[in-house]
Amino acid sequence: MGKIALEHLKEDDIRILVRHPDAEKRANAALRICRTYRNAELSDKEKTFAHDLLKFMAQDAVDMVRRALAVTLKNSPELPRSVAIKLATDIDNIAIPVLESSPVFTDDDLIEVLRSRAAAKVTAVARRPIVSGNLVREIVRYGDSQAVAEVAANDGAIIDEKTAEDILEFYHDDDLIKEAFITRRDLPVGIMEKLITQIAEEAAVILNRDYEIDGQKAVDIGNKVRERATIELVGEDLREREMREFTEHLIQNGRLTPSLIIRALGLGRMSVVKYALATMAGVSSNKADLMLFDAGPFGLKSLCVLAGMNDLSTRIIRAGCAIYRDLEISGIEYDAEYFQTLMLQRILTLPLEIPEIDQKWLMERLDAAQEEAA
């Protein structure tokens, strides 16, 4: 390495890195050089010279030196791509830091790593802050269940509905992957509802097989779990497209019933009620909103008739909307749990013959809410 005017890089560190027989001293010198490269404003000539030093480090026979390079520059956008690719082919404790974090890789670089099927390296790619949809599909193709669980839990991974469905179908017995999906913030609600259905069905089988609970009773328990989770997974902040997809998915699977709407109403999940009725009636969500709250006594009735609701369901929905509106305009700022408790209490005290199965479900939810509050 030729002579050059050095302002930031220390000649002693360079000399130790290139010539010293002690591996630990070379590793410490590599660490100092990498920190300088990462933090200092190097001149163009110093930067070119530093690139040669980094390539030299990546070829050191001692893994301690190569690891100092990998760990120190794993997040640096200035790490030469050729060096990053070299480190990615190294042993796991050197490759993993850069595979998890380095921004210099292209998708093609990472796909080459995935094709090696090296489990720890595939999992490292699955943990990256951003994982493109193309990379996700390749992780599913080349990775084991641990890697797939990592990418399923990674909110920075772009997972489209088709890929999510493929994962759930292939790993339908893998609880780790189901739990990973549940933790995601952006999982399509249709996929989440399928996941909940799958879990509820499995719960029914386990209750029947392992606890000798009657088959129909086990199915009923599983259905209760599914319906509660289905209602509660829908947040008020979901976009209109997502709510439309959710309600259409429920209709296609025969699960958007008057019973589900009444239960959602009892929990104060007005977005579920609005979009469910809008989808069933074939009107826009804005029009449904007006018909529910602002169009006088006949607007709500017309909406419910178009949606196929019977007279009792219509009266329950009308009363529930009135309770919801009164709580909303009271001027009191309720927390979500207390608001839900008030909705349940007032729905259950209505002078209406709420179907026994729905009344029992709402009572159980009220008891659970009061126990949690206590």
Protein backbone atom coordinates (compact mmCIF):
# COMPACT_ATOMS: atom_id res chain seq x y z
CA MET A 1 0.00 0.00 0.00
CA GLY A 2 1.56 3.21 -1.26
CA LYS A 3 2.28 6.36 0.68
CA ILE A 4 -0.50 8.91 0.97
CA ALA A 5 -1.07 12.09 2.96
CA LEU A 6 -3.26 10.95 5.88
CA GLU A 7 -5.26 13.36 7.99
CA HIS A 8 -7.61 10.99 9.80
CA LEU A 9 -6.30 7.45 9.32
CA LYS A 10 -3.47 6.65 11.72
CA GLU A 11 -0.27 5.27 10.21
CA ASP A 12 0.40 3.18 13.32
CA ASP A 13 -2.99 1.46 12.95
CA ILE A 14 -2.33 0.77 9.28
CA ARG A 15 1.11 -0.65 10.05
CA ILE A 16 -0.29 -2.93 12.77
CA LEU A 17 -3.14 -4.11 10.54
CA VAL A 18 -0.81 -4.96 7.66
CA ARG A 19 2.21 -6.40 9.49
CA HIS A 20 1.64 -7.27 13.14
CA PRO A 21 1.68 -11.02 13.92
CA ASP A 22 -0.63 -10.67 16.95
CA ALA A 23 -4.23 -11.25 15.78
CA GLU A 24 -5.77 -9.35 18.69
CA LYS A 25 -3.66 -6.25 17.93
CA ARG A 26 -4.67 -6.47 14.25
CA ALA A 27 -8.34 -6.74 15.26
CA ASN A 28 -8.08 -3.67 17.50
CA ALA A 29 -6.36 -1.72 14.73
CA ALA A 30 -9.09 -2.82 12.30
CA LEU A 31 -11.72 -1.63 14.77
CA ARG A 32 -10.12 1.84 15.05
CA ILE A 33 -9.72 2.16 11.29
CA CYS A 34 -13.36 1.16 10.70
CA ARG A 35 -14.61 3.65 13.28
CA THR A 36 -12.59 6.41 11.64
CA TYR A 37 -13.91 5.40 8.22
CA ARG A 38 -17.47 5.42 9.57
CA ASN A 39 -17.33 8.69 11.53
CA ALA A 40 -14.69 10.98 9.99
CA GLU A 41 -14.91 13.19 6.91
CA LEU A 42 -12.25 11.51 4.77
CA SER A 43 -10.79 13.08 1.67
CA ASP A 44 -11.37 11.26 -1.62
CA LYS A 45 -7.82 9.91 -1.55
CA GLU A 46 -8.17 8.74 2.05
CA LYS A 47 -11.48 7.10 1.22
CA THR A 48 -9.97 5.23 -1.73
CA PHE A 49 -7.07 4.13 0.45
CA ALA A 50 -9.50 3.07 3.20
CA HIS A 51 -11.40 0.90 0.71
CA ASP A 52 -8.19 -1.01 0.06
CA LEU A 53 -7.74 -1.45 3.80
CA LEU A 54 -11.29 -2.80 4.18
CA LYS A 55 -10.71 -5.32 1.38
CA PHE A 56 -7.47 -6.31 3.11
CA MET A 57 -9.32 -6.84 6.42
CA ALA A 58 -12.00 -8.98 4.73
CA GLN A 59 -9.24 -11.37 3.63
CA ASP A 60 -7.46 -11.65 6.97
CA ALA A 61 -6.95 -15.27 8.00
CA VAL A 62 -8.14 -14.57 11.55
CA ASP A 63 -11.91 -14.26 12.01
CA MET A 64 -11.47 -11.76 14.87
CA VAL A 65 -10.24 -9.17 12.36
CA ARG A 66 -13.00 -9.85 9.86
CA ARG A 67 -15.63 -9.67 12.61
CA ALA A 68 -14.32 -6.27 13.75
CA LEU A 69 -14.97 -5.05 10.20
CA ALA A 70 -18.43 -6.65 9.96
CA VAL A 71 -19.72 -5.42 13.31
CA THR A 72 -18.36 -1.87 13.05
CA LEU A 73 -19.61 -1.17 9.52
CA LYS A 74 -22.78 -3.31 9.45
CA ASN A 75 -25.03 -0.21 9.26
CA SER A 76 -22.77 1.99 7.15
CA PRO A 77 -23.98 3.00 3.67
CA GLU A 78 -20.28 3.61 2.89
CA LEU A 79 -19.29 -0.05 3.23
CA PRO A 80 -18.12 -1.07 -0.26
CA ARG A 81 -20.63 -3.48 -1.76
CA SER A 82 -17.89 -5.87 -2.86
CA VAL A 83 -16.68 -6.07 0.75
CA ALA A 84 -20.23 -6.62 2.04
CA ILE A 85 -20.73 -9.48 -0.45
CA LYS A 86 -17.42 -11.01 0.66
CA LEU A 87 -18.48 -10.83 4.32
CA ALA A 88 -21.89 -12.35 3.49
CA THR A 89 -20.14 -15.54 2.35
CA ASP A 90 -18.08 -15.75 5.56
CA ILE A 91 -18.83 -17.79 8.70
CA ASP A 92 -22.10 -17.04 10.49
CA ASN A 93 -20.86 -14.71 13.24
CA ILE A 94 -19.28 -12.47 10.58
CA ALA A 95 -21.96 -12.74 7.88
CA ILE A 96 -25.03 -12.31 10.09
CA PRO A 97 -24.39 -8.71 11.29
CA VAL A 98 -24.06 -7.38 7.73
CA LEU A 99 -26.89 -9.54 6.36
CA GLU A 100 -29.24 -8.25 9.05
CA SER A 101 -28.34 -4.58 8.73
CA SER A 102 -26.22 -3.48 5.77
CA PRO A 103 -28.07 -1.12 3.39
CA VAL A 104 -25.62 -1.70 0.52
CA PHE A 105 -26.99 -5.07 -0.63
CA THR A 106 -29.31 -5.33 -3.62
CA ASP A 107 -32.15 -7.84 -3.67
CA ASP A 108 -30.14 -9.91 -6.15
CA ASP A 109 -27.20 -10.04 -3.72
CA LEU A 110 -29.48 -11.27 -0.95
CA ILE A 111 -31.23 -13.81 -3.17
CA GLU A 112 -27.83 -15.38 -3.86
CA VAL A 113 -27.41 -15.77 -0.10
CA LEU A 114 -30.89 -17.28 0.24
CA ARG A 115 -30.12 -19.84 -2.46
CA SER A 116 -27.36 -21.22 -0.26
CA ARG A 117 -30.12 -22.39 2.13
CA ALA A 118 -27.77 -21.64 5.04
CA ALA A 119 -30.36 -21.48 7.82
CA ALA A 120 -28.75 -18.77 9.98
CA LYS A 121 -28.07 -16.52 6.98
CA VAL A 122 -31.59 -16.90 5.58
CA THR A 123 -32.98 -16.00 9.01
CA ALA A 124 -30.68 -12.97 9.13
CA VAL A 125 -32.09 -11.70 5.82
CA ALA A 126 -35.61 -12.24 7.20
CA ARG A 127 -34.80 -9.87 10.09
CA ARG A 128 -33.67 -6.94 7.91
CA PRO A 129 -35.39 -3.59 8.58
CA ILE A 130 -36.90 -3.65 5.09
CA VAL A 131 -37.61 -6.88 3.20
CA SER A 132 -39.17 -6.51 -0.24
CA GLY A 133 -42.05 -8.69 -1.37
CA ASN A 134 -39.71 -10.46 -3.78
CA LEU A 135 -37.30 -11.30 -0.96
CA VAL A 136 -40.16 -12.51 1.24
CA ARG A 137 -41.21 -14.99 -1.44
CA GLU A 138 -37.62 -16.23 -1.76
CA ILE A 139 -37.31 -16.62 2.03
CA VAL A 140 -40.46 -18.75 1.99
CA ARG A 141 -38.97 -20.76 -0.86
CA TYR A 142 -35.50 -21.36 0.58
CA GLY A 143 -35.90 -20.86 4.33
CA ASP A 144 -36.94 -23.15 7.16
CA SER A 145 -39.86 -22.53 9.52
CA GLN A 146 -37.71 -20.35 11.80
CA ALA A 147 -36.83 -18.01 8.93
CA VAL A 148 -40.46 -17.87 7.78
CA ALA A 149 -41.59 -17.07 11.34
CA GLU A 150 -39.02 -14.25 11.51
CA VAL A 151 -40.21 -12.68 8.27
CA ALA A 152 -43.86 -13.16 9.26
CA ALA A 153 -43.25 -11.20 12.48
CA ASN A 154 -41.17 -8.51 10.75
CA ASP A 155 -43.30 -5.39 10.19
CA GLY A 156 -40.67 -4.17 7.73
CA ALA A 157 -41.32 -7.18 5.47
CA ILE A 158 -43.82 -6.64 2.67
CA ILE A 159 -46.17 -9.66 2.70
CA ASP A 160 -48.96 -9.61 0.15
CA GLU A 161 -52.18 -11.53 0.70
CA LYS A 162 -51.27 -14.36 -1.71
CA THR A 163 -47.92 -14.97 0.01
CA ALA A 164 -49.56 -14.86 3.45
CA GLU A 165 -52.14 -17.42 2.30
CA ASP A 166 -49.40 -19.67 0.92
CA ILE A 167 -47.49 -19.51 4.21
CA LEU A 168 -50.59 -20.32 6.29
CA GLU A 169 -51.49 -23.20 4.01
CA PHE A 170 -48.01 -24.74 4.01
CA TYR A 171 -47.35 -24.16 7.74
CA HIS A 172 -50.91 -24.71 8.96
CA ASP A 173 -49.68 -26.81 11.92
CA ASP A 174 -46.88 -24.44 12.97
CA ASP A 175 -47.93 -22.43 16.03
CA LEU A 176 -44.75 -20.29 15.93
CA ILE A 177 -45.67 -18.93 12.50
CA LYS A 178 -49.28 -18.27 13.52
CA GLU A 179 -48.08 -16.34 16.57
CA ALA A 180 -45.66 -14.40 14.37
CA PHE A 181 -48.47 -13.36 12.01
CA ILE A 182 -50.67 -12.26 14.91
CA THR A 183 -47.98 -9.82 16.09
CA ARG A 184 -47.88 -8.00 12.74
CA ARG A 185 -49.32 -4.49 12.55
CA ASP A 186 -50.25 -4.56 8.85
CA LEU A 187 -51.57 -8.07 8.23
CA PRO A 188 -54.54 -7.89 5.84
CA VAL A 189 -57.73 -8.35 7.86
CA GLY A 190 -58.86 -11.12 5.53
CA ILE A 191 -55.74 -13.11 6.36
CA MET A 192 -56.13 -12.37 10.06
CA GLU A 193 -59.72 -13.60 9.96
CA LYS A 194 -58.61 -16.80 8.21
CA LEU A 195 -55.92 -17.24 10.83
CA ILE A 196 -58.44 -16.82 13.64
CA THR A 197 -60.78 -19.32 11.98
CA GLN A 198 -57.95 -21.82 11.68
CA ILE A 199 -57.01 -21.39 15.35
CA ALA A 200 -60.65 -21.70 16.47
CA GLU A 201 -61.08 -24.94 14.48
CA GLU A 202 -57.93 -26.37 16.00
CA ALA A 203 -59.13 -25.37 19.47
CA ALA A 204 -62.38 -27.27 18.90
CA VAL A 205 -60.46 -30.39 17.86
CA ILE A 206 -58.20 -30.19 20.93
CA LEU A 207 -61.18 -29.69 23.30
CA ASN A 208 -62.92 -32.73 21.83
CA ARG A 209 -59.85 -34.97 21.60
CA ASP A 210 -57.86 -34.11 24.72
CA TYR A 211 -60.57 -32.94 27.13
CA GLU A 212 -63.42 -35.22 25.95
CA ILE A 213 -65.78 -32.28 25.47
CA ASP A 214 -68.77 -33.13 23.30
CA GLY A 215 -68.04 -32.43 19.62
CA GLN A 216 -70.84 -29.89 19.09
CA LYS A 217 -70.04 -28.10 22.33
CA ALA A 218 -66.36 -27.93 21.35
CA VAL A 219 -67.34 -26.42 17.98
CA ASP A 220 -69.60 -23.89 19.74
CA ILE A 221 -66.72 -22.83 22.03
CA GLY A 222 -64.40 -22.51 19.05
CA ASN A 223 -66.99 -20.40 17.21
CA LYS A 224 -67.34 -18.08 20.22
CA VAL A 225 -63.60 -17.56 20.30
CA ARG A 226 -63.52 -16.92 16.55
CA GLU A 227 -66.38 -14.45 16.56
CA ARG A 228 -65.02 -12.46 19.49
CA ALA A 229 -61.55 -12.30 17.96
CA THR A 230 -62.98 -11.43 14.52
CA ILE A 231 -64.86 -8.45 15.94
CA GLU A 232 -62.01 -7.26 18.13
CA LEU A 233 -59.28 -7.49 15.51
CA VAL A 234 -60.91 -4.65 13.57
CA GLY A 235 -59.62 -1.30 14.79
CA GLU A 236 -61.39 1.98 14.17
CA ASP A 237 -58.33 3.19 12.26
CA LEU A 238 -58.56 0.68 9.40
CA ARG A 239 -58.72 2.20 5.94
CA GLU A 240 -61.97 1.97 3.97
CA ARG A 241 -60.48 -0.48 1.47
CA GLU A 242 -59.42 -2.80 4.30
CA MET A 243 -62.85 -2.64 5.93
CA ARG A 244 -64.50 -3.39 2.59
CA GLU A 245 -62.19 -6.38 2.06
CA PHE A 246 -62.88 -7.59 5.59
CA THR A 247 -66.66 -7.47 5.27
CA GLU A 248 -66.62 -8.98 1.76
CA HIS A 249 -64.43 -11.80 3.06
CA LEU A 250 -66.93 -12.48 5.86
CA ILE A 251 -69.82 -12.50 3.37
CA GLN A 252 -68.02 -14.93 1.05
CA ASN A 253 -67.44 -17.29 3.97
CA GLY A 254 -70.97 -16.99 5.34
CA ARG A 255 -69.88 -15.30 8.56
CA LEU A 256 -71.34 -11.81 8.19
CA THR A 257 -74.54 -12.50 10.13
CA PRO A 258 -77.05 -10.35 12.04
CA SER A 259 -75.65 -11.97 15.18
CA LEU A 260 -72.11 -10.72 14.44
CA ILE A 261 -73.44 -7.20 13.75
CA ILE A 262 -75.36 -7.13 17.05
CA ARG A 263 -72.30 -8.32 18.96
CA ALA A 264 -70.07 -5.75 17.28
CA LEU A 265 -72.63 -3.08 18.16
CA GLY A 266 -72.63 -4.22 21.79
CA LEU A 267 -68.85 -3.72 21.91
CA GLY A 268 -69.11 -0.27 20.37
CA ARG A 269 -67.39 -1.42 17.16
CA MET A 270 -69.41 0.97 15.03
CA SER A 271 -67.03 0.71 12.07
CA VAL A 272 -67.84 -3.01 11.81
CA VAL A 273 -71.58 -2.26 11.96
CA LYS A 274 -71.38 0.52 9.37
CA TYR A 275 -69.25 -1.33 6.83
CA ALA A 276 -71.12 -4.60 7.33
CA LEU A 277 -74.48 -2.96 6.64
CA ALA A 278 -73.03 -0.92 3.77
CA THR A 279 -71.57 -4.00 2.09
CA MET A 280 -74.72 -6.09 2.60
CA ALA A 281 -76.95 -3.26 1.38
CA GLY A 282 -74.74 -2.38 -1.59
CA VAL A 283 -74.29 1.28 -0.63
CA SER A 284 -71.21 3.40 0.08
CA SER A 285 -69.88 3.69 3.61
CA ASN A 286 -70.60 7.44 3.58
CA LYS A 287 -74.23 6.81 2.66
CA ALA A 288 -74.49 4.12 5.32
CA ASP A 289 -73.10 6.58 7.87
CA LEU A 290 -75.79 9.12 6.97
CA MET A 291 -78.53 6.51 7.05
CA LEU A 292 -77.41 5.24 10.46
CA PHE A 293 -77.15 8.61 12.20
CA ASP A 294 -78.37 11.58 10.19
CA ALA A 295 -81.21 10.57 7.92
CA GLY A 296 -84.12 10.44 10.36
CA PRO A 297 -86.06 7.37 11.47
CA PHE A 298 -86.52 5.91 8.00
CA GLY A 299 -82.89 6.07 6.88
CA LEU A 300 -81.70 3.40 9.29
CA LYS A 301 -84.73 1.21 8.60
CA SER A 302 -84.12 1.45 4.84
CA LEU A 303 -80.46 0.53 5.29
CA CYS A 304 -81.34 -2.50 7.43
CA VAL A 305 -84.02 -3.66 4.95
CA LEU A 306 -81.54 -3.39 2.07
CA ALA A 307 -79.03 -5.37 4.16
CA GLY A 308 -81.58 -8.12 4.84
CA MET A 309 -82.03 -7.47 8.58
CA ASN A 310 -85.28 -8.60 10.21
CA ASP A 311 -87.46 -6.29 12.31
CA LEU A 312 -85.97 -7.30 15.69
CA SER A 313 -82.37 -6.88 14.47
CA THR A 314 -83.32 -3.49 13.00
CA ARG A 315 -84.77 -2.31 16.33
CA ILE A 316 -81.70 -3.51 18.24
CA ILE A 317 -79.41 -1.73 15.77
CA ARG A 318 -81.49 1.48 16.03
CA ALA A 319 -81.31 1.41 19.84
CA GLY A 320 -77.59 0.59 19.82
CA CYS A 321 -76.83 3.47 17.45
CA ALA A 322 -78.76 5.84 19.71
CA ILE A 323 -76.75 4.65 22.76
CA TYR A 324 -73.50 5.06 20.84
CA ARG A 325 -74.44 8.56 19.65
CA ASP A 326 -75.47 9.66 23.18
CA LEU A 327 -72.14 8.49 24.61
CA GLU A 328 -70.22 10.17 21.79
CA ILE A 329 -71.88 13.57 22.25
CA SER A 330 -71.90 13.50 26.06
CA GLY A 331 -68.71 15.56 26.17
CA ILE A 332 -67.09 12.99 28.48
CA GLU A 333 -63.79 11.46 27.35
CA TYR A 334 -64.14 7.74 28.07
CA ASP A 335 -61.24 5.35 27.71
CA ALA A 336 -61.88 2.50 25.26
CA GLU A 337 -62.51 -0.14 27.93
CA TYR A 338 -65.01 1.94 29.90
CA PHE A 339 -66.81 3.02 26.72
CA GLN A 340 -67.19 -0.64 25.78
CA THR A 341 -68.50 -1.49 29.27
CA LEU A 342 -71.13 1.28 29.05
CA MET A 343 -72.22 0.08 25.61
CA LEU A 344 -72.62 -3.48 26.88
CA GLN A 345 -74.52 -2.43 29.99
CA ARG A 346 -76.98 -0.25 28.07
CA ILE A 347 -77.51 -2.72 25.22
CA LEU A 348 -78.26 -5.49 27.72
CA THR A 349 -80.83 -3.35 29.58
CA LEU A 350 -82.82 -2.49 26.44
CA PRO A 351 -86.52 -3.46 26.60
CA LEU A 352 -86.00 -5.71 23.57
CA GLU A 353 -85.90 -9.47 23.19
CA ILE A 354 -82.24 -9.80 22.19
CA PRO A 355 -81.71 -13.37 20.93
CA GLU A 356 -80.65 -15.56 23.85
CA ILE A 357 -77.40 -16.68 22.23
CA ASP A 358 -76.36 -13.05 21.59
CA GLN A 359 -77.51 -11.92 25.02
CA LYS A 360 -75.41 -14.64 26.65
CA TRP A 361 -72.37 -13.68 24.51
CA LEU A 362 -72.71 -10.00 25.45
CA MET A 363 -73.14 -10.89 29.14
CA GLU A 364 -69.92 -12.92 29.03
CA ARG A 365 -68.11 -9.99 27.46
CA LEU A 366 -69.47 -7.63 30.11
CA ASP A 367 -68.41 -9.97 32.92
CA ALA A 368 -64.93 -10.25 31.40
CA ALA A 369 -64.64 -6.46 31.03
CA GLN A 370 -65.67 -5.89 34.66
CA GLU A 371 -63.23 -8.54 35.88
CA GLU A 372 -60.41 -6.89 33.94
CA ALA A 373 -61.33 -3.49 35.36
CA ALA A 374 -61.40 -4.90 38.90
